[in-house]
Amino acid sequence: MQTVGVRELKNRLTRYLALIKEGERVIVTDRGRPVAVLGPVEGHDGRKPSRAHRAAVLARRGLITLPQGTPDLCTRPVAIRGEPISRTVIRDRR
């Protein structure tokens, strides 16, 4: 991984973009302090990635946990005796 200052990056942007296209990652510094990491875009084909793909990327980074198993979509609504809950909510708001 290479390190480059902002001025150097600005002056030789084409050179650093060529390195990034080859798979190299570049750390950009401002007055000696790291401010960004530039790297190649993985799996980009011009289309917006799907939600599933974005979720998988976040899961690989450890930022989210994906659900395990299959979702249970066959649940039946619960029948409740008495007045509808909507009426109860409206009455309690008054």
Protein backbone atom coordinates (compact mmCIF):
# COMPACT_ATOMS: atom_id res chain seq x y z
CA MET A 1 0.00 0.00 0.00
CA GLN A 2 1.44 3.33 -1.04
CA THR A 3 1.12 6.66 0.75
CA VAL A 4 0.74 9.94 -1.13
CA GLY A 5 0.15 13.54 -0.10
CA VAL A 6 -2.77 15.54 -1.45
CA ARG A 7 -0.55 17.79 -3.59
CA GLU A 8 1.35 14.84 -5.07
CA LEU A 9 -1.94 13.03 -5.78
CA LYS A 10 -3.35 16.10 -7.50
CA ASN A 11 -0.25 16.56 -9.64
CA ARG A 12 0.03 12.88 -10.65
CA LEU A 13 -3.56 11.68 -10.46
CA THR A 14 -3.36 9.64 -13.68
CA ARG A 15 -0.35 7.71 -12.38
CA TYR A 16 -2.07 6.83 -9.10
CA LEU A 17 -5.33 5.90 -10.86
CA ALA A 18 -3.34 3.47 -13.02
CA LEU A 19 -1.93 1.88 -9.84
CA ILE A 20 -5.43 1.63 -8.37
CA LYS A 21 -6.73 -0.02 -11.57
CA GLU A 22 -4.03 -2.67 -11.12
CA GLY A 23 -5.40 -3.43 -7.66
CA GLU A 24 -3.13 -1.26 -5.53
CA ARG A 25 -4.56 0.67 -2.58
CA VAL A 26 -3.29 4.21 -1.89
CA ILE A 27 -3.40 6.07 1.42
CA VAL A 28 -3.93 9.82 0.94
CA THR A 29 -2.42 12.12 3.57
CA ASP A 30 -2.99 15.78 4.36
CA ARG A 31 -0.02 17.34 6.15
CA GLY A 32 1.22 13.88 7.07
CA ARG A 33 -2.09 12.65 8.53
CA PRO A 34 -4.01 9.88 6.72
CA VAL A 35 -7.38 11.11 5.48
CA ALA A 36 -8.50 8.57 2.86
CA VAL A 37 -7.81 5.21 1.29
CA LEU A 38 -8.27 4.88 -2.45
CA GLY A 39 -8.70 1.45 -3.96
CA PRO A 40 -10.23 -0.41 -6.86
CA VAL A 41 -13.98 -0.87 -7.09
CA GLU A 42 -14.69 -4.56 -6.74
CA GLY A 43 -17.37 -6.18 -8.87
CA HIS A 44 -18.56 -2.94 -10.44
CA ASP A 45 -20.24 -3.40 -13.80
CA GLY A 46 -22.01 -0.05 -14.07
CA ARG A 47 -25.19 -1.16 -12.32
CA LYS A 48 -26.29 -0.35 -8.80
CA PRO A 49 -25.64 -3.36 -6.50
CA SER A 50 -28.68 -5.15 -5.14
CA ARG A 51 -29.75 -4.90 -1.50
CA ALA A 52 -28.67 -8.48 -0.95
CA HIS A 53 -25.19 -7.73 -2.29
CA ARG A 54 -24.86 -4.59 -0.15
CA ALA A 55 -26.03 -6.53 2.91
CA ALA A 56 -23.48 -9.26 2.19
CA VAL A 57 -20.70 -6.67 1.96
CA LEU A 58 -21.74 -5.14 5.30
CA ALA A 59 -21.90 -8.59 6.87
CA ARG A 60 -18.37 -9.41 5.65
CA ARG A 61 -17.16 -6.19 7.25
CA GLY A 62 -18.82 -7.22 10.51
CA LEU A 63 -21.16 -4.23 10.56
CA ILE A 64 -24.39 -6.26 10.45
CA THR A 65 -25.51 -9.80 11.13
CA LEU A 66 -27.65 -11.47 8.49
CA PRO A 67 -30.66 -13.52 9.59
CA GLN A 68 -30.22 -17.28 9.70
CA GLY A 69 -32.68 -19.78 8.24
CA THR A 70 -35.73 -19.07 6.15
CA PRO A 71 -38.33 -16.45 7.03
CA ASP A 72 -41.67 -17.75 8.28
CA LEU A 73 -44.11 -16.10 5.88
CA CYS A 74 -47.00 -18.42 6.64
CA THR A 75 -48.09 -16.99 9.97
CA ARG A 76 -51.77 -16.34 10.50
CA PRO A 77 -53.09 -13.09 11.97
CA VAL A 78 -53.90 -13.19 15.67
CA ALA A 79 -57.60 -12.91 16.46
CA ILE A 80 -58.35 -10.62 19.40
CA ARG A 81 -61.76 -10.37 21.05
CA GLY A 82 -63.28 -7.02 21.91
CA GLU A 83 -63.18 -3.70 20.18
CA PRO A 84 -60.57 -3.07 17.46
CA ILE A 85 -57.21 -1.83 18.69
CA SER A 86 -57.52 1.24 16.47
CA ARG A 87 -60.56 2.40 18.46
CA THR A 88 -58.70 1.83 21.72
CA VAL A 89 -55.76 3.91 20.50
CA ILE A 90 -58.03 6.74 19.34
CA ARG A 91 -59.92 6.70 22.66
CA ASP A 92 -56.68 6.81 24.66
CA ARG A 93 -55.43 9.79 22.63
CA ARG A 94 -58.43 11.91 23.66
